Each structure stands twice: as C-alpha cells, then as structure tokens.
C-alpha cells in the first residue's frame, strides 16, 4: 500500500511539473500582435475626434516625428532618432543595418497626403531607397506613415503609431 501511495504522489508531482512547463512554452510561442487598425479600434473609447482647428497641429506633429525618423535613419544619428522613438542604441544600429540591407540607402522623402479617419489622421510619405546591384541603380519606394490621435483627457494631439506601411 505504501508503494502505491508514493507512486501516485510521484506521478502527480511529475504531471504537475510537466503541465507547468508545457504551459510556459505555449505562452512564449503565442505572442499577441495587433495591426495598426486593430490597435486603433481597441483604444477608440479613449479618443475624441480631431477638430478642424487641430488639423494644422496634427500635421506639424507628424512632420516633426517623420523628420526625426528620416534624419536619424539617413545619417544614422541616434540622438535625433531618439527624440521620437525610444530604442536602445544597439537596436537602432541593428535596425539601420537591416533597412540598408533590405532596401538600400535612404535617398529622399516626399509628402503624399493625409487620410482623415474618424478618430485619427494618417499622414503618408514616400521614402525613396536606392541600391546599386550589378552596375545598375535600383530604386525602391516605401510608404511611411504617421497616425495622429487626440485623447479625451488631453487638449493636444498625440502620436499613436509611426512606421512603414
């Protein structure tokens, strides 16, 4: 009888430990990711509509943040880039390397326009990357956007999301 009881207790402990480790692995594998639109929908109760008087303020804010991103990435200047995005220096350097290997050298940007949404303003730029491949210069155009919102508890507009489309 003693052998059976210790065997059952050992089996319960092994099952409990293995169940806990399996759960941790499953949690690590499943990372929840939101698209920009899903994130906007999730925080919609906290937002208010941007008034026509605040449209100019929203555009100035978008231009400021895009300018920091553009100058920071083009010149690989972490100090300018970090005014808009808080990344570590090492992550910033890795991101610059990844961008240049994927798209080439950042050459220019052009403002395309704004898409007014009910609770946000989406400002879009075209960034031009150039890369020399086998004595030919390849140009890649990439859309870069800034989404500006206004929270109910704040009087000024705020940056919500910035990045490539």
C-alpha atoms as a PDB file:
ATOM      1  CA  UNK A   1       0.000   0.000   0.000  1.00  0.00           C
ATOM      2  CA  UNK A   2       2.884   2.365   0.827  1.00  0.00           C
ATOM      3  CA  UNK A   3       4.435   1.701  -2.557  1.00  0.00           C
ATOM      4  CA  UNK A   4       1.174   2.548  -4.345  1.00  0.00           C
ATOM      5  CA  UNK A   5       0.688   5.786  -2.387  1.00  0.00           C
ATOM      6  CA  UNK A   6       4.270   7.049  -3.004  1.00  0.00           C
ATOM      7  CA  UNK A   7       3.947   6.058  -6.653  1.00  0.00           C
ATOM      8  CA  UNK A   8       0.723   8.057  -7.022  1.00  0.00           C
ATOM      9  CA  UNK A   9       2.214  11.079  -5.260  1.00  0.00           C
ATOM     10  CA  UNK A  10       5.305  10.917  -7.500  1.00  0.00           C
ATOM     11  CA  UNK A  11       3.096  10.634 -10.588  1.00  0.00           C
ATOM     12  CA  UNK A  12       1.035  13.665  -9.501  1.00  0.00           C
ATOM     13  CA  UNK A  13       4.168  15.737  -8.924  1.00  0.00           C
ATOM     14  CA  UNK A  14       5.602  14.765 -12.324  1.00  0.00           C
ATOM     15  CA  UNK A  15       2.319  15.611 -14.069  1.00  0.00           C
ATOM     16  CA  UNK A  16       2.064  18.945 -12.276  1.00  0.00           C
ATOM     17  CA  UNK A  17       5.636  19.951 -13.161  1.00  0.00           C
ATOM     18  CA  UNK A  18       5.307  18.871 -16.786  1.00  0.00           C
ATOM     19  CA  UNK A  19       1.987  20.699 -17.162  1.00  0.00           C
ATOM     20  CA  UNK A  20       3.536  23.914 -15.842  1.00  0.00           C
ATOM     21  CA  UNK A  21       6.500  23.732 -18.197  1.00  0.00           C
ATOM     22  CA  UNK A  22       4.269  22.990 -21.185  1.00  0.00           C
ATOM     23  CA  UNK A  23       2.096  25.987 -20.351  1.00  0.00           C
ATOM     24  CA  UNK A  24       5.121  28.294 -20.169  1.00  0.00           C
ATOM     25  CA  UNK A  25       6.399  27.125 -23.559  1.00  0.00           C
ATOM     26  CA  UNK A  26       2.983  27.606 -25.119  1.00  0.00           C
ATOM     27  CA  UNK A  27       2.766  31.125 -23.683  1.00  0.00           C
ATOM     28  CA  UNK A  28       6.161  32.049 -25.076  1.00  0.00           C
ATOM     29  CA  UNK A  29       5.269  30.810 -28.563  1.00  0.00           C
ATOM     30  CA  UNK A  30       1.971  32.690 -28.764  1.00  0.00           C
ATOM     31  CA  UNK A  31       2.823  36.370 -28.960  1.00  0.00           C
ATOM     32  CA  UNK A  32      -0.177  38.579 -29.412  1.00  0.00           C
ATOM     33  CA  UNK A  33       0.313  41.042 -32.240  1.00  0.00           C
ATOM     34  CA  UNK A  34      -2.012  43.834 -33.282  1.00  0.00           C
ATOM     35  CA  UNK A  35      -2.238  45.549 -36.616  1.00  0.00           C
ATOM     36  CA  UNK A  36      -2.316  49.335 -36.548  1.00  0.00           C
ATOM     37  CA  UNK A  37      -6.042  49.372 -37.300  1.00  0.00           C
ATOM     38  CA  UNK A  38      -6.821  46.791 -34.591  1.00  0.00           C
ATOM     39  CA  UNK A  39      -4.881  48.829 -32.053  1.00  0.00           C
ATOM     40  CA  UNK A  40      -6.795  51.959 -33.049  1.00  0.00           C
ATOM     41  CA  UNK A  41     -10.105  50.102 -32.642  1.00  0.00           C
ATOM     42  CA  UNK A  42      -9.049  48.858 -29.199  1.00  0.00           C
ATOM     43  CA  UNK A  43      -8.326  52.339 -27.839  1.00  0.00           C
ATOM     44  CA  UNK A  44     -11.219  54.095 -29.595  1.00  0.00           C
ATOM     45  CA  UNK A  45     -13.160  54.704 -26.319  1.00  0.00           C
ATOM     46  CA  UNK A  46     -10.231  56.795 -25.048  1.00  0.00           C
ATOM     47  CA  UNK A  47     -10.126  59.007 -28.175  1.00  0.00           C
ATOM     48  CA  UNK A  48     -12.016  62.070 -29.296  1.00  0.00           C
ATOM     49  CA  UNK A  49     -12.380  63.461 -32.798  1.00  0.00           C
ATOM     50  CA  UNK A  50      -9.767  65.888 -34.072  1.00  0.00           C
ATOM     51  CA  UNK A  51     -11.402  69.238 -34.669  1.00  0.00           C
ATOM     52  CA  UNK A  52     -10.755  71.252 -37.865  1.00  0.00           C
ATOM     53  CA  UNK A  53      -8.775  73.743 -35.790  1.00  0.00           C
ATOM     54  CA  UNK A  54      -6.421  70.959 -34.629  1.00  0.00           C
ATOM     55  CA  UNK A  55      -5.680  69.644 -38.133  1.00  0.00           C
ATOM     56  CA  UNK A  56      -2.709  72.015 -38.521  1.00  0.00           C
ATOM     57  CA  UNK A  57      -1.355  70.995 -35.103  1.00  0.00           C
ATOM     58  CA  UNK A  58      -1.657  67.322 -36.096  1.00  0.00           C
ATOM     59  CA  UNK A  59       0.238  67.897 -39.355  1.00  0.00           C
ATOM     60  CA  UNK A  60       3.032  69.789 -37.556  1.00  0.00           C
ATOM     61  CA  UNK A  61       3.357  66.924 -35.081  1.00  0.00           C
ATOM     62  CA  UNK A  62       3.511  64.377 -37.900  1.00  0.00           C
ATOM     63  CA  UNK A  63       6.151  66.409 -39.767  1.00  0.00           C
ATOM     64  CA  UNK A  64       8.231  66.712 -36.590  1.00  0.00           C
ATOM     65  CA  UNK A  65       8.274  62.960 -35.926  1.00  0.00           C
ATOM     66  CA  UNK A  66       8.878  61.988 -39.558  1.00  0.00           C
ATOM     67  CA  UNK A  67      11.717  64.495 -39.716  1.00  0.00           C
ATOM     68  CA  UNK A  68      13.356  62.890 -36.691  1.00  0.00           C
ATOM     69  CA  UNK A  69      12.960  59.408 -38.146  1.00  0.00           C
ATOM     70  CA  UNK A  70      14.207  60.449 -41.591  1.00  0.00           C
ATOM     71  CA  UNK A  71      17.246  62.418 -40.385  1.00  0.00           C
ATOM     72  CA  UNK A  72      18.082  59.763 -37.813  1.00  0.00           C
ATOM     73  CA  UNK A  73      17.959  56.888 -40.293  1.00  0.00           C
ATOM     74  CA  UNK A  74      19.578  58.728 -43.192  1.00  0.00           C
ATOM     75  CA  UNK A  75      22.527  59.973 -41.122  1.00  0.00           C
ATOM     76  CA  UNK A  76      22.474  57.059 -38.647  1.00  0.00           C
ATOM     77  CA  UNK A  77      22.092  59.666 -35.895  1.00  0.00           C
ATOM     78  CA  UNK A  78      20.714  58.057 -32.760  1.00  0.00           C
ATOM     79  CA  UNK A  79      20.321  61.377 -30.893  1.00  0.00           C
ATOM     80  CA  UNK A  80      17.878  62.785 -33.464  1.00  0.00           C
ATOM     81  CA  UNK A  81      16.042  59.486 -33.907  1.00  0.00           C
ATOM     82  CA  UNK A  82      15.532  59.032 -30.164  1.00  0.00           C
ATOM     83  CA  UNK A  83      13.554  62.285 -29.931  1.00  0.00           C
ATOM     84  CA  UNK A  84      10.629  60.422 -31.479  1.00  0.00           C
ATOM     85  CA  UNK A  85      11.295  56.756 -30.727  1.00  0.00           C
ATOM     86  CA  UNK A  86      12.847  55.326 -27.598  1.00  0.00           C
ATOM     87  CA  UNK A  87      15.048  52.448 -28.726  1.00  0.00           C
ATOM     88  CA  UNK A  88      18.342  51.297 -27.387  1.00  0.00           C
ATOM     89  CA  UNK A  89      21.462  52.313 -29.329  1.00  0.00           C
ATOM     90  CA  UNK A  90      22.250  48.716 -30.230  1.00  0.00           C
ATOM     91  CA  UNK A  91      18.713  48.056 -31.510  1.00  0.00           C
ATOM     92  CA  UNK A  92      18.852  51.291 -33.526  1.00  0.00           C
ATOM     93  CA  UNK A  93      22.155  50.259 -35.142  1.00  0.00           C
ATOM     94  CA  UNK A  94      20.772  46.816 -35.987  1.00  0.00           C
ATOM     95  CA  UNK A  95      17.631  48.390 -37.450  1.00  0.00           C
ATOM     96  CA  UNK A  96      19.711  50.731 -39.650  1.00  0.00           C
ATOM     97  CA  UNK A  97      21.736  47.773 -40.937  1.00  0.00           C
ATOM     98  CA  UNK A  98      18.583  45.769 -41.638  1.00  0.00           C
ATOM     99  CA  UNK A  99      16.974  48.668 -43.528  1.00  0.00           C
ATOM    100  CA  UNK A 100      20.031  49.289 -45.668  1.00  0.00           C
ATOM    101  CA  UNK A 101      20.417  45.597 -46.483  1.00  0.00           C
ATOM    102  CA  UNK A 102      16.730  45.199 -47.353  1.00  0.00           C
ATOM    103  CA  UNK A 103      16.043  48.446 -49.245  1.00  0.00           C
ATOM    104  CA  UNK A 104      19.380  50.163 -49.869  1.00  0.00           C
ATOM    105  CA  UNK A 105      20.476  53.685 -48.986  1.00  0.00           C
ATOM    106  CA  UNK A 106      17.803  56.178 -47.946  1.00  0.00           C
ATOM    107  CA  UNK A 107      17.845  58.987 -50.514  1.00  0.00           C
ATOM    108  CA  UNK A 108      14.755  61.196 -50.194  1.00  0.00           C
ATOM    109  CA  UNK A 109      11.230  61.577 -48.909  1.00  0.00           C
ATOM    110  CA  UNK A 110       8.083  63.175 -50.303  1.00  0.00           C
ATOM    111  CA  UNK A 111       4.839  64.016 -48.531  1.00  0.00           C
ATOM    112  CA  UNK A 112       1.915  62.273 -50.262  1.00  0.00           C
ATOM    113  CA  UNK A 113      -1.029  63.455 -48.206  1.00  0.00           C
ATOM    114  CA  UNK A 114      -3.368  62.738 -45.344  1.00  0.00           C
ATOM    115  CA  UNK A 115      -6.208  60.309 -44.851  1.00  0.00           C
ATOM    116  CA  UNK A 116      -8.682  61.578 -42.307  1.00  0.00           C
ATOM    117  CA  UNK A 117     -10.232  58.801 -40.255  1.00  0.00           C
ATOM    118  CA  UNK A 118     -12.959  59.310 -37.640  1.00  0.00           C
ATOM    119  CA  UNK A 119     -10.572  59.260 -34.678  1.00  0.00           C
ATOM    120  CA  UNK A 120      -7.160  59.638 -36.314  1.00  0.00           C
ATOM    121  CA  UNK A 121      -5.266  61.354 -39.083  1.00  0.00           C
ATOM    122  CA  UNK A 122      -2.954  59.205 -41.180  1.00  0.00           C
ATOM    123  CA  UNK A 123      -0.146  61.230 -42.809  1.00  0.00           C
ATOM    124  CA  UNK A 124       1.766  59.343 -45.506  1.00  0.00           C
ATOM    125  CA  UNK A 125       5.224  59.914 -47.015  1.00  0.00           C
ATOM    126  CA  UNK A 126       7.058  58.121 -49.792  1.00  0.00           C
ATOM    127  CA  UNK A 127      10.624  57.269 -48.895  1.00  0.00           C
ATOM    128  CA  UNK A 128      12.998  56.513 -51.756  1.00  0.00           C
ATOM    129  CA  UNK A 129      15.787  53.990 -51.252  1.00  0.00           C
ATOM    130  CA  UNK A 130      18.482  53.368 -53.861  1.00  0.00           C
ATOM    131  CA  UNK A 131      20.819  50.434 -54.156  1.00  0.00           C
ATOM    132  CA  UNK A 132      23.467  49.544 -56.718  1.00  0.00           C
ATOM    133  CA  UNK A 133      23.145  45.964 -57.942  1.00  0.00           C
ATOM    134  CA  UNK A 134      25.365  44.709 -60.773  1.00  0.00           C
ATOM    135  CA  UNK A 135      26.179  48.215 -62.078  1.00  0.00           C
ATOM    136  CA  UNK A 136      22.511  49.213 -62.081  1.00  0.00           C
ATOM    137  CA  UNK A 137      20.845  51.524 -59.599  1.00  0.00           C
ATOM    138  CA  UNK A 138      17.606  50.070 -58.272  1.00  0.00           C
ATOM    139  CA  UNK A 139      15.081  52.440 -56.722  1.00  0.00           C
ATOM    140  CA  UNK A 140      12.645  51.227 -54.097  1.00  0.00           C
ATOM    141  CA  UNK A 141       9.716  53.347 -52.945  1.00  0.00           C
ATOM    142  CA  UNK A 142       8.391  52.603 -49.467  1.00  0.00           C
ATOM    143  CA  UNK A 143       5.379  54.176 -47.758  1.00  0.00           C
ATOM    144  CA  UNK A 144       5.990  55.624 -44.319  1.00  0.00           C
ATOM    145  CA  UNK A 145       3.076  56.754 -42.198  1.00  0.00           C
ATOM    146  CA  UNK A 146       2.310  58.630 -39.015  1.00  0.00           C
ATOM    147  CA  UNK A 147      -1.020  58.246 -37.219  1.00  0.00           C
ATOM    148  CA  UNK A 148      -2.012  61.183 -35.013  1.00  0.00           C
ATOM    149  CA  UNK A 149      -4.874  60.984 -32.482  1.00  0.00           C
ATOM    150  CA  UNK A 150      -6.435  63.129 -29.775  1.00  0.00           C
ATOM    151  CA  UNK A 151      -7.124  61.582 -26.385  1.00  0.00           C
ATOM    152  CA  UNK A 152     -10.209  62.691 -24.456  1.00  0.00           C
ATOM    153  CA  UNK A 153      -8.211  63.683 -21.377  1.00  0.00           C
ATOM    154  CA  UNK A 154      -5.630  65.768 -23.322  1.00  0.00           C
ATOM    155  CA  UNK A 155      -6.023  69.071 -25.093  1.00  0.00           C
ATOM    156  CA  UNK A 156      -3.291  68.459 -27.682  1.00  0.00           C
ATOM    157  CA  UNK A 157      -2.843  65.826 -30.369  1.00  0.00           C
ATOM    158  CA  UNK A 158      -0.562  62.858 -29.752  1.00  0.00           C
ATOM    159  CA  UNK A 159       1.490  60.436 -31.807  1.00  0.00           C
ATOM    160  CA  UNK A 160      -0.111  56.985 -31.884  1.00  0.00           C
ATOM    161  CA  UNK A 161       1.865  54.917 -34.395  1.00  0.00           C
ATOM    162  CA  UNK A 162       4.750  55.644 -36.721  1.00  0.00           C
ATOM    163  CA  UNK A 163       6.369  53.305 -39.203  1.00  0.00           C
ATOM    164  CA  UNK A 164       6.407  51.653 -42.588  1.00  0.00           C
ATOM    165  CA  UNK A 165       3.146  50.619 -44.216  1.00  0.00           C
END
